[in-house]
Amino acid sequence: MDRNEIIEKLRTIVLRNSQSDLGQRAVSEQDRIDSLGIDSLAMLDLIYDLQQEFGIEMDPQDLIPVVTIGDLVTMIKSRVSA
């Protein structure tokens, strides 16, 4: 799975879990996750959705170093490829 495929799937998941009205705006790798309306409760839902969509295991602590969508894509890609 390449970065673009991950970003497209991630965009759908982020929009579904966002507490903000983002409409259908593009989600880029430079976007900070906290600027997309993902609070702590939404983050738990996001983790669950990522596990289901990509078939990976994640703990909330895994996201501590993740700041941007690009960081999250890199983490997902490394786990999907493993």
C-alpha atoms as a PDB file:
ATOM      1  CA  MET A   1       0.000   0.000   0.000  1.00  0.00           C
ATOM      2  CA  ASP A   2       1.511   3.348  -0.998  1.00  0.00           C
ATOM      3  CA  ARG A   3       1.356   6.689   0.830  1.00  0.00           C
ATOM      4  CA  ASN A   4      -1.400   8.069  -1.405  1.00  0.00           C
ATOM      5  CA  GLU A   5      -3.677   5.097  -0.711  1.00  0.00           C
ATOM      6  CA  ILE A   6      -3.074   5.469   3.015  1.00  0.00           C
ATOM      7  CA  ILE A   7      -3.742   9.221   2.882  1.00  0.00           C
ATOM      8  CA  GLU A   8      -7.031   8.710   1.030  1.00  0.00           C
ATOM      9  CA  LYS A   9      -8.260   6.125   3.547  1.00  0.00           C
ATOM     10  CA  LEU A  10      -6.986   8.236   6.430  1.00  0.00           C
ATOM     11  CA  ARG A  11      -8.820  11.290   5.086  1.00  0.00           C
ATOM     12  CA  THR A  12     -12.130   9.435   5.256  1.00  0.00           C
ATOM     13  CA  ILE A  13     -11.413   8.210   8.784  1.00  0.00           C
ATOM     14  CA  VAL A  14     -10.339  11.670  10.005  1.00  0.00           C
ATOM     15  CA  LEU A  15     -13.413  13.354   8.534  1.00  0.00           C
ATOM     16  CA  ARG A  16     -15.655  10.744  10.168  1.00  0.00           C
ATOM     17  CA  ASN A  17     -14.023  11.224  13.590  1.00  0.00           C
ATOM     18  CA  SER A  18     -13.477  14.983  13.531  1.00  0.00           C
ATOM     19  CA  GLN A  19     -15.349  17.120  16.031  1.00  0.00           C
ATOM     20  CA  SER A  20     -15.100  20.052  13.590  1.00  0.00           C
ATOM     21  CA  ASP A  21     -17.120  20.641  10.453  1.00  0.00           C
ATOM     22  CA  LEU A  22     -14.389  20.075   7.899  1.00  0.00           C
ATOM     23  CA  GLY A  23     -16.811  19.419   5.061  1.00  0.00           C
ATOM     24  CA  GLN A  24     -15.042  17.602   2.259  1.00  0.00           C
ATOM     25  CA  ARG A  25     -11.805  19.551   2.578  1.00  0.00           C
ATOM     26  CA  ALA A  26      -8.560  17.941   1.586  1.00  0.00           C
ATOM     27  CA  VAL A  27      -6.447  16.507   4.352  1.00  0.00           C
ATOM     28  CA  SER A  28      -2.743  16.937   3.642  1.00  0.00           C
ATOM     29  CA  GLU A  29       0.338  15.393   5.175  1.00  0.00           C
ATOM     30  CA  GLN A  30       1.259  18.774   6.666  1.00  0.00           C
ATOM     31  CA  ASP A  31      -1.997  19.110   8.640  1.00  0.00           C
ATOM     32  CA  ARG A  32      -1.604  18.888  12.395  1.00  0.00           C
ATOM     33  CA  ILE A  33      -3.974  16.287  13.821  1.00  0.00           C
ATOM     34  CA  ASP A  34      -5.044  18.623  16.622  1.00  0.00           C
ATOM     35  CA  SER A  35      -6.089  21.235  14.037  1.00  0.00           C
ATOM     36  CA  LEU A  36      -8.533  18.767  12.471  1.00  0.00           C
ATOM     37  CA  GLY A  37     -10.884  18.598  15.444  1.00  0.00           C
ATOM     38  CA  ILE A  38      -9.579  15.319  16.855  1.00  0.00           C
ATOM     39  CA  ASP A  39      -9.893  15.518  20.637  1.00  0.00           C
ATOM     40  CA  SER A  40      -8.914  12.767  23.080  1.00  0.00           C
ATOM     41  CA  LEU A  41     -12.209  10.896  22.783  1.00  0.00           C
ATOM     42  CA  ALA A  42     -12.217  11.162  19.001  1.00  0.00           C
ATOM     43  CA  MET A  43      -8.612   9.911  19.047  1.00  0.00           C
ATOM     44  CA  LEU A  44      -9.754   6.639  20.634  1.00  0.00           C
ATOM     45  CA  ASP A  45     -12.348   6.238  17.886  1.00  0.00           C
ATOM     46  CA  LEU A  46      -9.692   7.102  15.316  1.00  0.00           C
ATOM     47  CA  ILE A  47      -7.375   4.403  16.686  1.00  0.00           C
ATOM     48  CA  TYR A  48     -10.155   1.823  16.516  1.00  0.00           C
ATOM     49  CA  ASP A  49     -10.988   2.798  12.928  1.00  0.00           C
ATOM     50  CA  LEU A  50      -7.317   2.671  11.912  1.00  0.00           C
ATOM     51  CA  GLN A  51      -6.989  -0.810  13.389  1.00  0.00           C
ATOM     52  CA  GLN A  52     -10.048  -1.990  11.490  1.00  0.00           C
ATOM     53  CA  GLU A  53      -9.170  -0.326   8.175  1.00  0.00           C
ATOM     54  CA  PHE A  54      -5.492  -1.239   8.033  1.00  0.00           C
ATOM     55  CA  GLY A  55      -5.456  -4.443  10.100  1.00  0.00           C
ATOM     56  CA  ILE A  56      -2.835  -3.093  12.506  1.00  0.00           C
ATOM     57  CA  GLU A  57      -2.461  -2.996  16.275  1.00  0.00           C
ATOM     58  CA  MET A  58      -2.151   0.379  17.995  1.00  0.00           C
ATOM     59  CA  ASP A  59      -2.185   1.704  21.525  1.00  0.00           C
ATOM     60  CA  PRO A  60      -2.992   5.313  22.412  1.00  0.00           C
ATOM     61  CA  GLN A  61       0.652   5.755  23.514  1.00  0.00           C
ATOM     62  CA  ASP A  62       1.748   4.982  19.952  1.00  0.00           C
ATOM     63  CA  LEU A  63       0.311   8.326  18.869  1.00  0.00           C
ATOM     64  CA  ILE A  64       2.225  10.452  21.379  1.00  0.00           C
ATOM     65  CA  PRO A  65       5.008  11.291  18.870  1.00  0.00           C
ATOM     66  CA  VAL A  66       2.502  11.736  16.021  1.00  0.00           C
ATOM     67  CA  VAL A  67       1.869  15.412  15.295  1.00  0.00           C
ATOM     68  CA  THR A  68       0.879  15.588  11.627  1.00  0.00           C
ATOM     69  CA  ILE A  69      -1.071  13.464   9.190  1.00  0.00           C
ATOM     70  CA  GLY A  70       2.280  12.724   7.530  1.00  0.00           C
ATOM     71  CA  ASP A  71       3.612  11.306  10.811  1.00  0.00           C
ATOM     72  CA  LEU A  72       0.542   9.100  11.062  1.00  0.00           C
ATOM     73  CA  VAL A  73       0.896   7.932   7.445  1.00  0.00           C
ATOM     74  CA  THR A  74       4.531   6.978   8.099  1.00  0.00           C
ATOM     75  CA  MET A  75       3.563   5.006  11.201  1.00  0.00           C
ATOM     76  CA  ILE A  76       0.710   3.208   9.417  1.00  0.00           C
ATOM     77  CA  LYS A  77       2.895   2.419   6.401  1.00  0.00           C
ATOM     78  CA  SER A  78       5.573   0.866   8.611  1.00  0.00           C
ATOM     79  CA  ARG A  79       3.006  -1.338  10.341  1.00  0.00           C
ATOM     80  CA  VAL A  80       1.161  -2.358   7.185  1.00  0.00           C
ATOM     81  CA  SER A  81       4.462  -3.271   5.517  1.00  0.00           C
ATOM     82  CA  ALA A  82       5.684  -5.283   8.504  1.00  0.00           C
END
